[in-house]
Amino acid sequence: MAKKSRRNRQSREEQNVHTMFEKEKWHPLDTEIDQRRDKKYVKNVTPRSEGQATLMEAIKEYSLCMAIGPAGTGKTYLAITAAVQALQAGEVERIILTRPAMEAGESLGFLPGDMHEKMAPYLRPLYDSLGDRMGGKAVRKLIEDGTIEIAPVGFMRGRTLNNAFVVIDEAQNCTYAQIKMIVSRLGWNSTMVITGDPDQSDLLDGMSGLADIAKRLGALSGIGVVQLTPQDIVRHPLVSEMLGVL
């Protein structure tokens, strides 16, 4: 009788336990992004300002391009757009996305999962841009087969990036030594785009190397450095006004 009672109690407890995630593994492009973005995604992108047009032409012309400017000017989106176009046209074999794992003034603490899952919160803007351009399911498939690679900045050391389109986002959170290391990874038949806003660095004063690197590389004829302005901001009109006084 006691054994039967224990079995009944255990059965009731199991029925009351529910897993937080239905699937075995979580992925940043699951469910909502898959369903929302595969219904319709952007196929053609046109510049919405003179600065954006200049940036798009610079990415086509130079193997290394730097997009420097305030938030909301489309730096990341245009870089991802160019990467997707190059991949779909067969100009490169893979897309490599990297971003410093820097938190904007707050600590997220320990993050569970593998490297992709740990980096997902920091790379969400890149996932969103990829989803807009290709659809979530297509992006997920390309990530799983390695065509799209997500990696922290620190994992770039020692590599030669051939036949790739490389996007380094939020480079204002990289030190001078980190950006120097990253640009020296550029290999044959590759394009690299570095984006960032020196005025929004989360590093301590004087640690960001983006502005200094942009100034030095801007003197070289084979590198494009595009300076975007508040007039190129394509978010809510208030963003441009607020950034002008903050």
Protein backbone atom coordinates (compact mmCIF):
# COMPACT_ATOMS: atom_id res chain seq x y z
CA MET A 1 0.00 0.00 0.00
CA ALA A 2 2.85 2.37 0.90
CA LYS A 3 4.64 1.62 -2.36
CA LYS A 4 1.48 2.34 -4.36
CA SER A 5 1.00 5.61 -2.50
CA ARG A 6 4.56 6.69 -3.25
CA ARG A 7 4.13 5.81 -6.93
CA ASN A 8 0.92 7.86 -7.16
CA ARG A 9 2.57 10.83 -5.45
CA GLN A 10 5.60 10.62 -7.78
CA SER A 11 3.28 10.46 -10.81
CA ARG A 12 1.42 13.60 -9.67
CA GLU A 13 4.71 15.45 -9.12
CA GLU A 14 5.95 14.57 -12.61
CA GLN A 15 2.72 15.90 -14.09
CA ASN A 16 3.24 19.21 -12.30
CA VAL A 17 6.79 19.68 -13.60
CA HIS A 18 7.12 21.52 -16.91
CA THR A 19 10.29 22.36 -18.82
CA MET A 20 10.99 26.03 -19.47
CA PHE A 21 12.00 25.35 -23.10
CA GLU A 22 10.14 22.75 -25.15
CA LYS A 23 13.09 22.07 -27.44
CA GLU A 24 16.32 20.43 -26.36
CA LYS A 25 18.49 23.30 -27.55
CA TRP A 26 17.75 27.01 -27.66
CA HIS A 27 18.75 29.00 -30.72
CA PRO A 28 18.56 32.79 -31.16
CA LEU A 29 16.72 32.38 -34.47
CA ASP A 30 14.01 30.02 -33.19
CA THR A 31 10.22 30.39 -33.33
CA GLU A 32 9.34 34.08 -33.35
CA ILE A 33 12.12 35.21 -35.69
CA ASP A 34 11.60 32.20 -37.98
CA GLN A 35 7.86 32.78 -38.29
CA ARG A 36 7.96 36.56 -38.53
CA ARG A 37 10.88 37.05 -40.89
CA ASP A 38 10.23 34.25 -43.39
CA LYS A 39 6.86 35.71 -44.39
CA LYS A 40 8.56 38.65 -46.09
CA TYR A 41 12.13 39.87 -46.03
CA VAL A 42 13.98 42.73 -47.66
CA LYS A 43 15.49 41.85 -51.04
CA ASN A 44 16.64 45.25 -52.27
CA VAL A 45 18.25 47.94 -50.16
CA THR A 46 18.71 51.52 -51.34
CA PRO A 47 20.51 54.34 -49.51
CA ARG A 48 18.38 56.86 -47.66
CA SER A 49 21.03 59.56 -47.37
CA GLU A 50 24.15 60.76 -49.14
CA GLY A 51 26.32 59.30 -46.41
CA GLN A 52 24.73 55.89 -46.81
CA ALA A 53 25.24 56.03 -50.57
CA THR A 54 28.90 56.86 -50.03
CA LEU A 55 29.26 53.95 -47.60
CA MET A 56 27.66 51.46 -49.98
CA GLU A 57 30.00 52.53 -52.80
CA ALA A 58 33.03 52.37 -50.48
CA ILE A 59 32.19 48.80 -49.43
CA LYS A 60 32.07 47.80 -53.10
CA GLU A 61 35.31 49.58 -53.96
CA TYR A 62 37.61 48.76 -51.02
CA SER A 63 38.68 45.47 -49.47
CA LEU A 64 38.79 47.21 -46.09
CA CYS A 65 36.21 49.82 -45.22
CA MET A 66 35.50 51.62 -41.96
CA ALA A 67 32.06 53.09 -41.25
CA ILE A 68 32.30 55.68 -38.48
CA GLY A 69 29.27 57.57 -37.26
CA PRO A 70 26.49 58.00 -34.70
CA ALA A 71 23.83 55.46 -33.81
CA GLY A 72 21.01 54.98 -36.30
CA THR A 73 22.94 55.76 -39.47
CA GLY A 74 22.62 52.19 -40.81
CA LYS A 75 26.28 51.23 -40.46
CA THR A 76 25.63 47.65 -39.35
CA TYR A 77 22.63 47.08 -41.60
CA LEU A 78 24.45 48.21 -44.75
CA ALA A 79 27.48 46.10 -43.87
CA ILE A 80 25.28 43.01 -43.41
CA THR A 81 23.45 43.82 -46.65
CA ALA A 82 26.73 43.92 -48.58
CA ALA A 83 27.84 40.66 -46.95
CA VAL A 84 24.63 38.86 -47.93
CA GLN A 85 24.80 40.18 -51.48
CA ALA A 86 28.40 39.01 -51.84
CA LEU A 87 27.54 35.55 -50.52
CA GLN A 88 24.49 35.15 -52.73
CA ALA A 89 26.46 36.32 -55.78
CA GLY A 90 29.16 33.72 -55.12
CA GLU A 91 31.82 36.38 -54.56
CA VAL A 92 32.74 34.93 -51.14
CA GLU A 93 32.36 31.53 -49.53
CA ARG A 94 31.33 32.60 -46.04
CA ILE A 95 30.32 35.48 -43.80
CA ILE A 96 32.17 36.07 -40.55
CA LEU A 97 30.55 38.29 -37.92
CA THR A 98 32.31 39.45 -34.80
CA ARG A 99 31.54 41.90 -32.03
CA PRO A 100 33.17 42.68 -28.70
CA ALA A 101 31.40 40.98 -25.79
CA MET A 102 30.96 44.29 -23.99
CA GLU A 103 27.90 45.08 -21.87
CA ALA A 104 26.52 48.61 -22.06
CA GLY A 105 27.12 49.70 -18.48
CA GLU A 106 25.59 46.64 -16.82
CA SER A 107 26.59 43.05 -16.12
CA LEU A 108 24.61 40.11 -17.50
CA GLY A 109 26.51 37.68 -15.27
CA PHE A 110 27.08 34.07 -16.24
CA LEU A 111 25.42 33.02 -19.48
CA PRO A 112 24.68 29.30 -20.08
CA GLY A 113 25.13 27.37 -23.30
CA ASP A 114 27.77 26.99 -26.00
CA MET A 115 29.69 29.85 -27.58
CA HIS A 116 26.91 30.81 -30.00
CA GLU A 117 24.35 30.91 -27.19
CA LYS A 118 26.66 32.95 -24.95
CA MET A 119 27.33 35.45 -27.73
CA ALA A 120 23.69 35.66 -28.89
CA PRO A 121 22.67 38.62 -26.64
CA TYR A 122 25.60 40.67 -27.93
CA LEU A 123 25.05 39.71 -31.57
CA ARG A 124 21.28 40.12 -31.68
CA PRO A 125 21.46 43.26 -33.89
CA LEU A 126 23.44 41.22 -36.43
CA TYR A 127 20.93 38.34 -36.27
CA ASP A 128 18.09 40.84 -36.82
CA SER A 129 19.80 42.35 -39.87
CA LEU A 130 20.53 38.90 -41.32
CA GLY A 131 16.93 37.85 -40.74
CA ASP A 132 15.66 40.95 -42.54
CA ARG A 133 17.83 40.17 -45.53
CA MET A 134 17.50 36.37 -45.81
CA GLY A 135 14.78 35.09 -43.51
CA GLY A 136 15.38 33.42 -40.15
CA LYS A 137 15.29 29.79 -41.30
CA ALA A 138 17.81 30.39 -44.09
CA VAL A 139 20.13 32.18 -41.67
CA ARG A 140 19.89 29.37 -39.14
CA LYS A 141 20.76 26.78 -41.79
CA LEU A 142 23.80 28.80 -42.93
CA ILE A 143 24.98 29.18 -39.33
CA GLU A 144 24.65 25.45 -38.70
CA ASP A 145 26.66 24.48 -41.80
CA GLY A 146 29.35 27.08 -41.08
CA THR A 147 28.68 29.40 -44.02
CA ILE A 148 27.87 32.14 -41.53
CA GLU A 149 30.31 32.15 -38.63
CA ILE A 150 29.77 33.99 -35.37
CA ALA A 151 32.87 34.52 -33.24
CA PRO A 152 34.10 36.83 -30.47
CA VAL A 153 36.88 39.28 -31.33
CA GLY A 154 39.38 37.31 -29.26
CA PHE A 155 38.90 34.23 -31.45
CA MET A 156 40.24 36.06 -34.51
CA ARG A 157 43.87 35.95 -33.39
CA GLY A 158 46.12 33.74 -35.50
CA ARG A 159 43.61 33.28 -38.33
CA THR A 160 43.80 34.24 -42.01
CA LEU A 161 40.34 35.05 -43.36
CA ASN A 162 40.31 34.10 -47.05
CA ASN A 163 37.27 34.16 -49.37
CA ALA A 164 35.14 35.77 -46.69
CA PHE A 165 33.11 38.86 -45.95
CA VAL A 166 34.02 39.97 -42.46
CA VAL A 167 31.93 42.41 -40.40
CA ILE A 168 33.35 43.80 -37.15
CA ASP A 169 30.53 45.59 -35.38
CA GLU A 170 30.65 47.95 -32.37
CA ALA A 171 34.39 48.44 -32.90
CA GLN A 172 34.39 51.42 -30.54
CA ASN A 173 34.54 48.79 -27.79
CA CYS A 174 37.82 47.39 -29.16
CA THR A 175 41.21 48.58 -28.02
CA TYR A 176 43.88 49.80 -30.44
CA ALA A 177 45.68 46.43 -30.17
CA GLN A 178 42.47 44.49 -30.86
CA ILE A 179 41.61 46.44 -34.01
CA LYS A 180 45.21 46.17 -35.21
CA MET A 181 44.99 42.41 -34.73
CA ILE A 182 41.64 42.21 -36.54
CA VAL A 183 42.64 44.18 -39.66
CA SER A 184 45.75 42.01 -40.04
CA ARG A 185 43.49 38.94 -40.43
CA LEU A 186 42.35 40.08 -43.90
CA GLY A 187 43.11 37.40 -46.50
CA TRP A 188 42.84 36.92 -50.24
CA ASN A 189 39.50 37.61 -51.97
CA SER A 190 38.02 38.97 -48.75
CA THR A 191 36.22 42.14 -47.73
CA MET A 192 36.24 43.57 -44.22
CA VAL A 193 33.90 46.23 -42.88
CA ILE A 194 34.48 47.77 -39.45
CA THR A 195 31.65 49.78 -37.92
CA GLY A 196 31.47 51.87 -34.78
CA ASP A 197 30.75 55.14 -33.04
CA PRO A 198 33.71 56.53 -31.05
CA ASP A 199 31.31 58.64 -28.96
CA GLN A 200 29.51 55.56 -27.58
CA SER A 201 32.37 53.45 -26.27
CA ASP A 202 31.76 51.38 -23.13
CA LEU A 203 35.49 51.22 -22.43
CA LEU A 204 37.28 53.52 -20.04
CA ASP A 205 38.31 56.90 -21.46
CA GLY A 206 41.27 56.62 -23.80
CA MET A 207 41.06 52.82 -24.22
CA SER A 208 39.06 52.67 -27.46
CA GLY A 209 41.28 52.47 -30.52
CA LEU A 210 38.64 53.09 -33.20
CA ALA A 211 39.13 56.83 -33.76
CA ASP A 212 42.94 56.56 -33.83
CA ILE A 213 42.90 53.57 -36.19
CA ALA A 214 40.42 55.32 -38.52
CA LYS A 215 42.61 58.43 -38.66
CA ARG A 216 45.74 56.42 -39.46
CA LEU A 217 44.15 54.12 -42.03
CA GLY A 218 42.31 57.01 -43.68
CA ALA A 219 45.65 58.19 -45.05
CA LEU A 220 46.02 54.99 -47.11
CA SER A 221 44.66 55.03 -50.66
CA GLY A 222 43.51 51.40 -50.61
CA ILE A 223 41.26 51.75 -47.55
CA GLY A 224 37.90 53.48 -47.35
CA VAL A 225 36.98 55.43 -44.23
CA VAL A 226 33.45 56.84 -44.35
CA GLN A 227 32.38 59.40 -41.75
CA LEU A 228 28.61 59.43 -41.28
CA THR A 229 26.87 62.39 -39.64
CA PRO A 230 23.63 63.03 -37.70
CA GLN A 231 22.06 63.94 -41.06
CA ASP A 232 22.41 60.27 -42.04
CA ILE A 233 20.37 58.96 -39.09
CA VAL A 234 17.36 57.01 -40.35
CA ARG A 235 15.69 56.19 -37.04
CA HIS A 236 13.06 58.37 -35.36
CA PRO A 237 13.75 62.09 -36.04
CA LEU A 238 14.19 62.63 -32.31
CA VAL A 239 17.28 60.40 -32.29
CA SER A 240 19.24 62.94 -34.33
CA GLU A 241 18.06 65.82 -32.16
CA MET A 242 18.84 64.00 -28.90
CA LEU A 243 22.32 62.96 -29.98
CA GLY A 244 22.98 66.58 -30.86
CA VAL A 245 22.49 67.70 -27.27
CA LEU A 246 23.56 64.65 -25.25
